[in-house]
Each structure stands twice: as C-alpha cells, then as structure tokens.
Amino acid sequence: MEEPGWILMFLLLTMLLQLPGVVSGDLLYTIRAGDDIALSCENVIKGRRNCDTTTWYYSKPGRAAQELVAHGQVTYSRSDPLSLAGNCSLVLRNISAEDAGLYFCRQYEREGYLLCHDAPVYLSVVTLREQTEQNTVTFTCSVSPFDECRHEVKWLFKGNDVEKDHPDMKTSSPSSCSAAVTFHTSNYVYSSRFKLFKCEVETESKQQLFTFSSGPTATSMVTSGGKTDTTDSAGESRAAGRDLLWLYIFVALVLLALIITAVAFVTRRKGTQVQ
C-alpha cells in the first residue's frame, strides 16, 4: 500500500523542481553609474571556444529587444565598447542610467537552433548628483530600474538616517525611486561630504550603500564573483535564491510526507475495519 505514495511523492517533487521562478536563480545587479560591470552568462556551454554559441540581447519595457552580441561577436556599438570576458560574461564599461534594463544570454547553434533556456540578468543603475546653490548643497540619489521601481532610497549621514536623526538637513523625494538631501555648507561637513554621506538603496533581498566617486581611480569592475566598496556582488543574490530553493524543497517534502502518512493511516484503518 505504501508504494503508490512514494511514487506520488516522486512525481510531485519532479513537478516542483520544474516550476518557473523557483530554480531560475535570476541575477539582479544594482550598480553605480560610471562603474564597469561584467554580466554573468549563467547558461554558457562548457567546452565551447570563443563563445561561438553565445548571443546577448538587451531589452527594456516598451522597446524591442536589441541584439548586442551574436555568436561571440559584438554587433552593437556604443561610446564605451562592449566586450566579452573569457566566461562569455558581457562587459559594460562606464555604465549610465540608459544602460538599465533586462539583459539575457542565449545559446545558439550556428544554424539558429536554440540550445537551452535564456539566462536573464536585470540591471538597475544608481546615479549620484551634487548641486550647489549659494550657501546650500543638494545631493540627489536616483535609481534607474530595469522595469518598474522596486527600490527604497534614502540618505545616511555618518551611518544614520538623515530624515530621522538630522532635522537640520532637509530631505525630499523628487521621484518614486530617488532621494535628496539639502544642507548648509560648512567647513566640517562640506569638506568631508563625500565620506560622510552615503545613499542606501534597499530591495526585498538586500541593502546596498553607494558613495560619490572621487575620481577615475574609484571606478571598479563588478562581477558575479567579486565585491566592491559601493555594491554587493550578484553572487549574493544567487546564493540567497539557492537557499530559498532548498527551503521550498524542504517544506514541500515535509508537507508531502504528512499527506502520505495521513493517506496511509486512513487506508490501513479502512482495511482493518473491513477485516
């Protein structure tokens, strides 16, 4: 009597592993404008040379998908040229708000046969601006999201929330995905403003802190395996997704075990009553 229960458990677990959004492990990057980034291609085929099966596309709401790379060759030109890293990651240099959007890596054979599912990468870009007017300075932190705004933005001063802990500074929200702080210039604050103020950008999965770039040497390359002073790597998002996946599987297995146990108990009880 127990064999059908185990077969049912196996079939349901197989269906669970095939559900979209549970095993996708999509990459989400939130990067400061002016930085460089390498977008990881998660479906790259091992053993292929020169990324000859890899094609990259860029898409944004309301716009048709734009081909960037075809079979390992860059087909789209921009002021800072695109390139591919050794693992077929797409390298974007000196990114701007216009680069925010959905990027997806696709694997093709030469004759156009699709080898596997797309590997999406979502890129949001944080832009920091400074505006000086007479004896006041305004810092603005704005996020250009990959589609709709999913970020909460606020300014920190010495690690504390400006709006809550510093009433002498004026805060505002120019848009749904931005925050601004205005303060009077002073020798102490103004001379150290780039170190004292940080923009906190929060999503459902993590918080990131962004500071002003003090010069060309502050530009950094962000990859799926690295970490910078201004952003967390997308590897953390991927690791968090995997942790959630195993949690979902564990909960599903516990529920299935309870259901099977209950069914087996009722079946045995009925069998006893018949006897």
C-alpha atoms as a PDB file:
ATOM      1  CA  MET A   1       0.000   0.000   0.000  1.00  0.00           C
ATOM      2  CA  GLU A   2       2.927   2.363   0.567  1.00  0.00           C
ATOM      3  CA  GLU A   3       4.414   2.078  -2.954  1.00  0.00           C
ATOM      4  CA  PRO A   4       1.848   4.375  -4.696  1.00  0.00           C
ATOM      5  CA  GLY A   5       2.509   7.004  -2.015  1.00  0.00           C
ATOM      6  CA  TRP A   6       6.211   7.096  -2.753  1.00  0.00           C
ATOM      7  CA  ILE A   7       5.538   7.238  -6.496  1.00  0.00           C
ATOM      8  CA  LEU A   8       3.195  10.207  -5.929  1.00  0.00           C
ATOM      9  CA  MET A   9       5.825  11.909  -3.785  1.00  0.00           C
ATOM     10  CA  PHE A  10       8.456  11.493  -6.520  1.00  0.00           C
ATOM     11  CA  LEU A  11       6.155  12.875  -9.221  1.00  0.00           C
ATOM     12  CA  LEU A  12       5.169  15.913  -7.162  1.00  0.00           C
ATOM     13  CA  LEU A  13       8.790  16.662  -6.302  1.00  0.00           C
ATOM     14  CA  THR A  14       9.681  16.483 -10.006  1.00  0.00           C
ATOM     15  CA  MET A  15       6.904  18.974 -10.802  1.00  0.00           C
ATOM     16  CA  LEU A  16       8.122  21.265  -8.030  1.00  0.00           C
ATOM     17  CA  LEU A  17      11.642  21.371  -9.456  1.00  0.00           C
ATOM     18  CA  GLN A  18      10.234  22.363 -12.848  1.00  0.00           C
ATOM     19  CA  LEU A  19       8.188  25.317 -11.594  1.00  0.00           C
ATOM     20  CA  PRO A  20       9.407  28.624 -13.116  1.00  0.00           C
ATOM     21  CA  GLY A  21      10.811  31.207 -10.707  1.00  0.00           C
ATOM     22  CA  VAL A  22      11.878  28.603  -8.148  1.00  0.00           C
ATOM     23  CA  VAL A  23      15.038  27.340  -9.817  1.00  0.00           C
ATOM     24  CA  SER A  24      15.656  30.270 -12.150  1.00  0.00           C
ATOM     25  CA  GLY A  25      18.297  31.975  -9.971  1.00  0.00           C
ATOM     26  CA  ASP A  26      17.958  35.190 -11.992  1.00  0.00           C
ATOM     27  CA  LEU A  27      20.740  37.715 -11.430  1.00  0.00           C
ATOM     28  CA  LEU A  28      19.908  41.230 -10.251  1.00  0.00           C
ATOM     29  CA  TYR A  29      22.565  43.937 -10.230  1.00  0.00           C
ATOM     30  CA  THR A  30      22.252  47.439  -8.797  1.00  0.00           C
ATOM     31  CA  ILE A  31      25.356  49.366  -9.873  1.00  0.00           C
ATOM     32  CA  ARG A  32      26.598  52.952  -9.605  1.00  0.00           C
ATOM     33  CA  ALA A  33      26.776  54.993 -12.785  1.00  0.00           C
ATOM     34  CA  GLY A  34      30.336  55.306 -14.048  1.00  0.00           C
ATOM     35  CA  ASP A  35      31.380  51.849 -12.863  1.00  0.00           C
ATOM     36  CA  ASP A  36      32.214  48.854 -15.026  1.00  0.00           C
ATOM     37  CA  ILE A  37      30.353  45.569 -14.769  1.00  0.00           C
ATOM     38  CA  ALA A  38      30.572  42.039 -16.130  1.00  0.00           C
ATOM     39  CA  LEU A  39      27.129  40.456 -16.539  1.00  0.00           C
ATOM     40  CA  SER A  40      27.423  36.722 -15.973  1.00  0.00           C
ATOM     41  CA  CYS A  41      26.103  34.297 -18.592  1.00  0.00           C
ATOM     42  CA  GLU A  42      24.625  31.505 -16.479  1.00  0.00           C
ATOM     43  CA  ASN A  43      23.779  29.132 -19.328  1.00  0.00           C
ATOM     44  CA  VAL A  44      27.142  29.186 -21.100  1.00  0.00           C
ATOM     45  CA  ILE A  45      28.068  25.827 -22.608  1.00  0.00           C
ATOM     46  CA  LYS A  46      31.304  24.446 -21.223  1.00  0.00           C
ATOM     47  CA  GLY A  47      33.920  23.326 -23.686  1.00  0.00           C
ATOM     48  CA  ARG A  48      32.905  25.780 -26.408  1.00  0.00           C
ATOM     49  CA  ARG A  49      35.664  28.123 -27.540  1.00  0.00           C
ATOM     50  CA  ASN A  50      35.395  31.829 -28.364  1.00  0.00           C
ATOM     51  CA  CYS A  51      31.800  31.905 -27.044  1.00  0.00           C
ATOM     52  CA  ASP A  52      30.668  30.964 -30.554  1.00  0.00           C
ATOM     53  CA  THR A  53      27.281  29.746 -29.287  1.00  0.00           C
ATOM     54  CA  THR A  54      26.616  32.783 -27.071  1.00  0.00           C
ATOM     55  CA  THR A  55      24.282  35.632 -28.052  1.00  0.00           C
ATOM     56  CA  TRP A  56      23.416  38.584 -25.799  1.00  0.00           C
ATOM     57  CA  TYR A  57      20.264  40.725 -26.040  1.00  0.00           C
ATOM     58  CA  TYR A  58      19.128  43.895 -24.280  1.00  0.00           C
ATOM     59  CA  SER A  59      15.501  44.757 -23.619  1.00  0.00           C
ATOM     60  CA  LYS A  60      13.515  47.470 -21.873  1.00  0.00           C
ATOM     61  CA  PRO A  61       9.758  47.913 -21.329  1.00  0.00           C
ATOM     62  CA  GLY A  62       8.168  49.355 -24.446  1.00  0.00           C
ATOM     63  CA  ARG A  63      11.170  48.638 -26.645  1.00  0.00           C
ATOM     64  CA  ALA A  64      12.034  45.736 -28.928  1.00  0.00           C
ATOM     65  CA  ALA A  65      14.941  43.528 -27.911  1.00  0.00           C
ATOM     66  CA  GLN A  66      18.306  44.742 -29.215  1.00  0.00           C
ATOM     67  CA  GLU A  67      20.994  42.257 -30.217  1.00  0.00           C
ATOM     68  CA  LEU A  68      24.333  43.120 -28.615  1.00  0.00           C
ATOM     69  CA  VAL A  69      26.442  40.043 -29.322  1.00  0.00           C
ATOM     70  CA  ALA A  70      25.882  37.313 -31.924  1.00  0.00           C
ATOM     71  CA  HIS A  71      27.785  34.009 -31.702  1.00  0.00           C
ATOM     72  CA  GLY A  72      30.547  35.608 -29.649  1.00  0.00           C
ATOM     73  CA  GLN A  73      30.925  38.705 -31.878  1.00  0.00           C
ATOM     74  CA  VAL A  74      29.898  42.194 -30.703  1.00  0.00           C
ATOM     75  CA  THR A  75      27.266  43.607 -33.051  1.00  0.00           C
ATOM     76  CA  TYR A  76      26.206  46.758 -31.149  1.00  0.00           C
ATOM     77  CA  SER A  77      28.356  49.886 -30.889  1.00  0.00           C
ATOM     78  CA  ARG A  78      28.408  52.341 -28.003  1.00  0.00           C
ATOM     79  CA  SER A  79      30.771  55.095 -26.815  1.00  0.00           C
ATOM     80  CA  ASP A  80      32.473  52.646 -24.431  1.00  0.00           C
ATOM     81  CA  PRO A  81      32.663  49.446 -26.493  1.00  0.00           C
ATOM     82  CA  LEU A  82      31.126  46.209 -25.288  1.00  0.00           C
ATOM     83  CA  SER A  83      33.276  43.124 -24.907  1.00  0.00           C
ATOM     84  CA  LEU A  84      33.078  39.520 -23.747  1.00  0.00           C
ATOM     85  CA  ALA A  85      35.081  38.071 -20.882  1.00  0.00           C
ATOM     86  CA  GLY A  86      36.598  34.600 -21.034  1.00  0.00           C
ATOM     87  CA  ASN A  87      33.480  33.041 -19.481  1.00  0.00           C
ATOM     88  CA  CYS A  88      31.240  34.805 -22.046  1.00  0.00           C
ATOM     89  CA  SER A  89      30.172  37.436 -19.499  1.00  0.00           C
ATOM     90  CA  LEU A  90      29.092  40.709 -21.109  1.00  0.00           C
ATOM     91  CA  VAL A  91      31.397  43.564 -20.054  1.00  0.00           C
ATOM     92  CA  LEU A  92      29.916  47.079 -19.922  1.00  0.00           C
ATOM     93  CA  ARG A  93      32.227  49.980 -19.113  1.00  0.00           C
ATOM     94  CA  ASN A  94      31.323  53.374 -17.704  1.00  0.00           C
ATOM     95  CA  ILE A  95      27.655  52.481 -17.444  1.00  0.00           C
ATOM     96  CA  SER A  96      24.933  55.129 -17.318  1.00  0.00           C
ATOM     97  CA  ALA A  97      21.243  55.282 -16.450  1.00  0.00           C
ATOM     98  CA  GLU A  98      20.418  54.417 -20.082  1.00  0.00           C
ATOM     99  CA  ASP A  99      22.046  51.006 -19.620  1.00  0.00           C
ATOM    100  CA  ALA A 100      19.445  49.897 -17.046  1.00  0.00           C
ATOM    101  CA  GLY A 101      17.205  47.105 -18.293  1.00  0.00           C
ATOM    102  CA  LEU A 102      16.983  43.391 -18.942  1.00  0.00           C
ATOM    103  CA  TYR A 103      19.915  41.558 -20.488  1.00  0.00           C
ATOM    104  CA  PHE A 104      19.636  37.924 -21.449  1.00  0.00           C
ATOM    105  CA  CYS A 105      22.184  35.405 -22.593  1.00  0.00           C
ATOM    106  CA  ARG A 106      21.096  32.829 -25.173  1.00  0.00           C
ATOM    107  CA  GLN A 107      22.869  29.789 -26.568  1.00  0.00           C
ATOM    108  CA  TYR A 108      22.515  29.012 -30.287  1.00  0.00           C
ATOM    109  CA  GLU A 109      23.996  26.614 -32.730  1.00  0.00           C
ATOM    110  CA  ARG A 110      25.210  28.225 -35.964  1.00  0.00           C
ATOM    111  CA  GLU A 111      22.091  27.210 -37.855  1.00  0.00           C
ATOM    112  CA  GLY A 112      19.913  29.049 -35.324  1.00  0.00           C
ATOM    113  CA  TYR A 113      18.885  26.089 -33.184  1.00  0.00           C
ATOM    114  CA  LEU A 114      18.228  27.200 -29.587  1.00  0.00           C
ATOM    115  CA  LEU A 115      20.232  25.010 -27.218  1.00  0.00           C
ATOM    116  CA  CYS A 116      18.752  25.986 -23.832  1.00  0.00           C
ATOM    117  CA  HIS A 117      16.585  28.494 -21.978  1.00  0.00           C
ATOM    118  CA  ASP A 118      17.553  32.166 -21.728  1.00  0.00           C
ATOM    119  CA  ALA A 119      19.618  33.330 -18.742  1.00  0.00           C
ATOM    120  CA  PRO A 120      18.230  36.754 -17.715  1.00  0.00           C
ATOM    121  CA  VAL A 121      20.227  39.461 -15.937  1.00  0.00           C
ATOM    122  CA  TYR A 122      18.446  42.526 -14.528  1.00  0.00           C
ATOM    123  CA  LEU A 123      20.460  45.736 -14.254  1.00  0.00           C
ATOM    124  CA  SER A 124      19.492  48.843 -12.274  1.00  0.00           C
ATOM    125  CA  VAL A 125      21.750  51.911 -12.192  1.00  0.00           C
ATOM    126  CA  VAL A 126      22.257  54.354  -9.307  1.00  0.00           C
ATOM    127  CA  THR A 127      23.154  57.947 -10.192  1.00  0.00           C
ATOM    128  CA  LEU A 128      24.520  60.408  -7.593  1.00  0.00           C
ATOM    129  CA  ARG A 129      24.408  64.149  -8.282  1.00  0.00           C
ATOM    130  CA  GLU A 130      25.571  67.266  -6.456  1.00  0.00           C
ATOM    131  CA  GLN A 131      24.029  70.706  -6.896  1.00  0.00           C
ATOM    132  CA  THR A 132      25.408  73.840  -5.197  1.00  0.00           C
ATOM    133  CA  GLU A 133      23.327  76.999  -4.788  1.00  0.00           C
ATOM    134  CA  GLN A 134      24.605  79.946  -2.734  1.00  0.00           C
ATOM    135  CA  ASN A 135      25.257  78.521   0.749  1.00  0.00           C
ATOM    136  CA  THR A 136      23.449  75.194   0.332  1.00  0.00           C
ATOM    137  CA  VAL A 137      24.329  71.866  -1.268  1.00  0.00           C
ATOM    138  CA  THR A 138      21.844  69.249  -2.531  1.00  0.00           C
ATOM    139  CA  PHE A 139      22.763  65.622  -3.045  1.00  0.00           C
ATOM    140  CA  THR A 140      20.393  63.516  -5.152  1.00  0.00           C
ATOM    141  CA  CYS A 141      20.460  59.726  -5.370  1.00  0.00           C
ATOM    142  CA  SER A 142      18.258  58.225  -8.069  1.00  0.00           C
ATOM    143  CA  VAL A 143      17.784  54.671  -9.294  1.00  0.00           C
ATOM    144  CA  SER A 144      17.055  53.832 -12.927  1.00  0.00           C
ATOM    145  CA  PRO A 145      15.381  50.416 -12.559  1.00  0.00           C
ATOM    146  CA  PHE A 146      15.277  47.586 -15.072  1.00  0.00           C
ATOM    147  CA  ASP A 147      11.484  47.995 -15.283  1.00  0.00           C
ATOM    148  CA  GLU A 148       9.315  49.488 -12.528  1.00  0.00           C
ATOM    149  CA  CYS A 149      10.828  50.868  -9.328  1.00  0.00           C
ATOM    150  CA  ARG A 150      11.365  48.162  -6.701  1.00  0.00           C
ATOM    151  CA  HIS A 151      13.865  50.131  -4.611  1.00  0.00           C
ATOM    152  CA  GLU A 152      13.666  52.233  -1.463  1.00  0.00           C
ATOM    153  CA  VAL A 153      16.172  55.085  -1.473  1.00  0.00           C
ATOM    154  CA  LYS A 154      17.390  57.245   1.406  1.00  0.00           C
ATOM    155  CA  TRP A 155      20.442  59.210   2.534  1.00  0.00           C
ATOM    156  CA  LEU A 156      22.625  58.366   5.520  1.00  0.00           C
ATOM    157  CA  PHE A 157      24.894  60.786   7.375  1.00  0.00           C
ATOM    158  CA  LYS A 158      27.608  59.128   9.449  1.00  0.00           C
ATOM    159  CA  GLY A 159      25.653  55.915   9.094  1.00  0.00           C
ATOM    160  CA  ASN A 160      22.369  57.333  10.451  1.00  0.00           C
ATOM    161  CA  ASP A 161      19.135  58.087   8.616  1.00  0.00           C
ATOM    162  CA  VAL A 162      19.224  61.771   7.685  1.00  0.00           C
ATOM    163  CA  GLU A 163      15.439  62.203   7.801  1.00  0.00           C
ATOM    164  CA  LYS A 164      15.095  60.718  11.308  1.00  0.00           C
ATOM    165  CA  ASP A 165      18.278  61.811  13.059  1.00  0.00           C
ATOM    166  CA  HIS A 166      19.244  65.125  11.442  1.00  0.00           C
ATOM    167  CA  PRO A 167      16.353  67.624  11.435  1.00  0.00           C
ATOM    168  CA  ASP A 168      18.743  70.409  10.416  1.00  0.00           C
ATOM    169  CA  MET A 169      19.047  68.772   6.996  1.00  0.00           C
ATOM    170  CA  LYS A 170      16.172  68.902   4.532  1.00  0.00           C
ATOM    171  CA  THR A 171      15.178  65.718   2.728  1.00  0.00           C
ATOM    172  CA  SER A 172      12.870  65.214  -0.237  1.00  0.00           C
ATOM    173  CA  SER A 173      11.855  62.626  -2.827  1.00  0.00           C
ATOM    174  CA  PRO A 174      11.967  64.125  -6.325  1.00  0.00           C
ATOM    175  CA  SER A 175      10.551  60.875  -7.718  1.00  0.00           C
ATOM    176  CA  SER A 176       9.405  57.439  -6.554  1.00  0.00           C
ATOM    177  CA  CYS A 177      12.898  55.999  -6.991  1.00  0.00           C
ATOM    178  CA  SER A 178      15.079  58.802  -5.655  1.00  0.00           C
ATOM    179  CA  ALA A 179      16.007  60.749  -2.532  1.00  0.00           C
ATOM    180  CA  ALA A 180      17.587  64.162  -1.989  1.00  0.00           C
ATOM    181  CA  VAL A 181      19.208  65.867   0.996  1.00  0.00           C
ATOM    182  CA  THR A 182      19.967  69.580   1.287  1.00  0.00           C
ATOM    183  CA  PHE A 183      22.313  71.088   3.883  1.00  0.00           C
ATOM    184  CA  HIS A 184      24.127  74.349   4.550  1.00  0.00           C
ATOM    185  CA  THR A 185      27.766  74.463   3.626  1.00  0.00           C
ATOM    186  CA  SER A 186      30.252  74.444   6.469  1.00  0.00           C
ATOM    187  CA  ASN A 187      33.938  73.736   6.643  1.00  0.00           C
ATOM    188  CA  TYR A 188      33.391  70.487   8.532  1.00  0.00           C
ATOM    189  CA  VAL A 189      30.541  68.995   6.555  1.00  0.00           C
ATOM    190  CA  TYR A 190      31.327  70.312   3.089  1.00  0.00           C
ATOM    191  CA  SER A 191      34.998  69.376   3.069  1.00  0.00           C
ATOM    192  CA  SER A 192      34.176  65.791   4.110  1.00  0.00           C
ATOM    193  CA  ARG A 193      30.827  65.466   2.361  1.00  0.00           C
ATOM    194  CA  PHE A 194      31.838  62.590   0.086  1.00  0.00           C
ATOM    195  CA  LYS A 195      32.872  60.460   3.067  1.00  0.00           C
ATOM    196  CA  LEU A 196      30.070  61.375   5.466  1.00  0.00           C
ATOM    197  CA  PHE A 197      27.079  60.949   3.137  1.00  0.00           C
ATOM    198  CA  LYS A 198      26.027  57.595   1.735  1.00  0.00           C
ATOM    199  CA  CYS A 199      22.990  56.630  -0.305  1.00  0.00           C
ATOM    200  CA  GLU A 200      21.217  53.495   0.889  1.00  0.00           C
ATOM    201  CA  VAL A 201      19.337  51.537  -1.775  1.00  0.00           C
ATOM    202  CA  GLU A 202      17.154  48.724  -0.467  1.00  0.00           C
ATOM    203  CA  THR A 203      15.376  45.943  -2.297  1.00  0.00           C
ATOM    204  CA  GLU A 204      13.483  42.942  -0.973  1.00  0.00           C
ATOM    205  CA  SER A 205      16.644  40.863  -0.713  1.00  0.00           C
ATOM    206  CA  LYS A 206      19.390  43.257   0.409  1.00  0.00           C
ATOM    207  CA  GLN A 207      20.654  46.747   1.212  1.00  0.00           C
ATOM    208  CA  GLN A 208      23.474  48.489  -0.636  1.00  0.00           C
ATOM    209  CA  LEU A 209      25.407  51.668   0.150  1.00  0.00           C
ATOM    210  CA  PHE A 210      26.663  53.994  -2.578  1.00  0.00           C
ATOM    211  CA  THR A 211      29.133  56.862  -2.285  1.00  0.00           C
ATOM    212  CA  PHE A 212      30.334  59.539  -4.669  1.00  0.00           C
ATOM    213  CA  SER A 213      33.249  58.608  -6.880  1.00  0.00           C
ATOM    214  CA  SER A 214      36.230  60.803  -6.015  1.00  0.00           C
ATOM    215  CA  GLY A 215      37.989  60.254  -9.336  1.00  0.00           C
ATOM    216  CA  PRO A 216      38.921  57.770 -12.055  1.00  0.00           C
ATOM    217  CA  THR A 217      40.691  55.506  -9.563  1.00  0.00           C
ATOM    218  CA  ALA A 218      37.372  54.888  -7.806  1.00  0.00           C
ATOM    219  CA  THR A 219      35.888  53.176 -10.851  1.00  0.00           C
ATOM    220  CA  SER A 220      35.524  49.479 -10.182  1.00  0.00           C
ATOM    221  CA  MET A 221      34.617  46.316 -12.030  1.00  0.00           C
ATOM    222  CA  VAL A 222      31.746  44.382 -10.526  1.00  0.00           C
ATOM    223  CA  THR A 223      31.428  40.709 -11.381  1.00  0.00           C
ATOM    224  CA  SER A 224      29.291  37.851 -10.162  1.00  0.00           C
ATOM    225  CA  GLY A 225      32.149  36.606  -8.011  1.00  0.00           C
ATOM    226  CA  GLY A 226      33.595  39.849  -6.686  1.00  0.00           C
ATOM    227  CA  LYS A 227      32.768  42.649  -4.286  1.00  0.00           C
ATOM    228  CA  THR A 228      33.325  46.404  -4.271  1.00  0.00           C
ATOM    229  CA  ASP A 229      33.041  49.200  -1.749  1.00  0.00           C
ATOM    230  CA  THR A 230      29.881  50.534  -3.360  1.00  0.00           C
ATOM    231  CA  THR A 231      27.937  47.430  -4.313  1.00  0.00           C
ATOM    232  CA  ASP A 232      27.394  43.843  -3.320  1.00  0.00           C
ATOM    233  CA  SER A 233      28.033  41.189  -5.943  1.00  0.00           C
ATOM    234  CA  ALA A 234      25.186  39.441  -7.683  1.00  0.00           C
ATOM    235  CA  GLY A 235      26.596  36.199  -6.360  1.00  0.00           C
ATOM    236  CA  GLU A 236      24.905  37.010  -3.058  1.00  0.00           C
ATOM    237  CA  SER A 237      21.523  37.217  -4.805  1.00  0.00           C
ATOM    238  CA  ARG A 238      22.189  33.913  -6.492  1.00  0.00           C
ATOM    239  CA  ALA A 239      23.238  32.289  -3.202  1.00  0.00           C
ATOM    240  CA  ALA A 240      20.155  33.663  -1.458  1.00  0.00           C
ATOM    241  CA  GLY A 241      17.988  32.267  -4.259  1.00  0.00           C
ATOM    242  CA  ARG A 242      19.538  28.846  -3.839  1.00  0.00           C
ATOM    243  CA  ASP A 243      18.938  28.958  -0.080  1.00  0.00           C
ATOM    244  CA  LEU A 244      15.277  29.766  -0.719  1.00  0.00           C
ATOM    245  CA  LEU A 245      15.088  26.950  -3.254  1.00  0.00           C
ATOM    246  CA  TRP A 246      16.264  24.383  -0.715  1.00  0.00           C
ATOM    247  CA  LEU A 247      13.858  25.850   1.846  1.00  0.00           C
ATOM    248  CA  TYR A 248      10.956  25.439  -0.607  1.00  0.00           C
ATOM    249  CA  ILE A 249      12.009  21.874  -1.357  1.00  0.00           C
ATOM    250  CA  PHE A 250      12.298  21.027   2.343  1.00  0.00           C
ATOM    251  CA  VAL A 251       8.871  22.491   3.163  1.00  0.00           C
ATOM    252  CA  ALA A 252       7.330  20.697   0.167  1.00  0.00           C
ATOM    253  CA  LEU A 253       8.863  17.390   1.238  1.00  0.00           C
ATOM    254  CA  VAL A 254       7.572  17.807   4.794  1.00  0.00           C
ATOM    255  CA  LEU A 255       4.056  18.547   3.514  1.00  0.00           C
ATOM    256  CA  LEU A 256       4.183  15.588   1.135  1.00  0.00           C
ATOM    257  CA  ALA A 257       5.385  13.314   3.915  1.00  0.00           C
ATOM    258  CA  LEU A 258       2.482  14.428   6.145  1.00  0.00           C
ATOM    259  CA  ILE A 259      -0.036  13.874   3.348  1.00  0.00           C
ATOM    260  CA  ILE A 260       1.329  10.424   2.528  1.00  0.00           C
ATOM    261  CA  THR A 261       1.372   9.463   6.183  1.00  0.00           C
ATOM    262  CA  ALA A 262      -2.237  10.571   6.590  1.00  0.00           C
ATOM    263  CA  VAL A 263      -3.333   8.686   3.456  1.00  0.00           C
ATOM    264  CA  ALA A 264      -1.516   5.541   4.586  1.00  0.00           C
ATOM    265  CA  PHE A 265      -3.076   5.794   8.050  1.00  0.00           C
ATOM    266  CA  VAL A 266      -6.613   6.180   6.670  1.00  0.00           C
ATOM    267  CA  THR A 267      -6.063   3.332   4.192  1.00  0.00           C
ATOM    268  CA  ARG A 268      -4.802   0.968   6.886  1.00  0.00           C
ATOM    269  CA  ARG A 269      -7.664   1.934   9.190  1.00  0.00           C
ATOM    270  CA  LYS A 270     -10.235   1.174   6.489  1.00  0.00           C
ATOM    271  CA  GLY A 271      -8.504  -2.131   5.794  1.00  0.00           C
ATOM    272  CA  THR A 272      -8.665  -3.060   9.473  1.00  0.00           C
ATOM    273  CA  GLN A 273     -12.371  -2.194   9.636  1.00  0.00           C
ATOM    274  CA  VAL A 274     -13.094  -4.371   6.567  1.00  0.00           C
ATOM    275  CA  GLN A 275     -11.286  -7.308   8.116  1.00  0.00           C
END
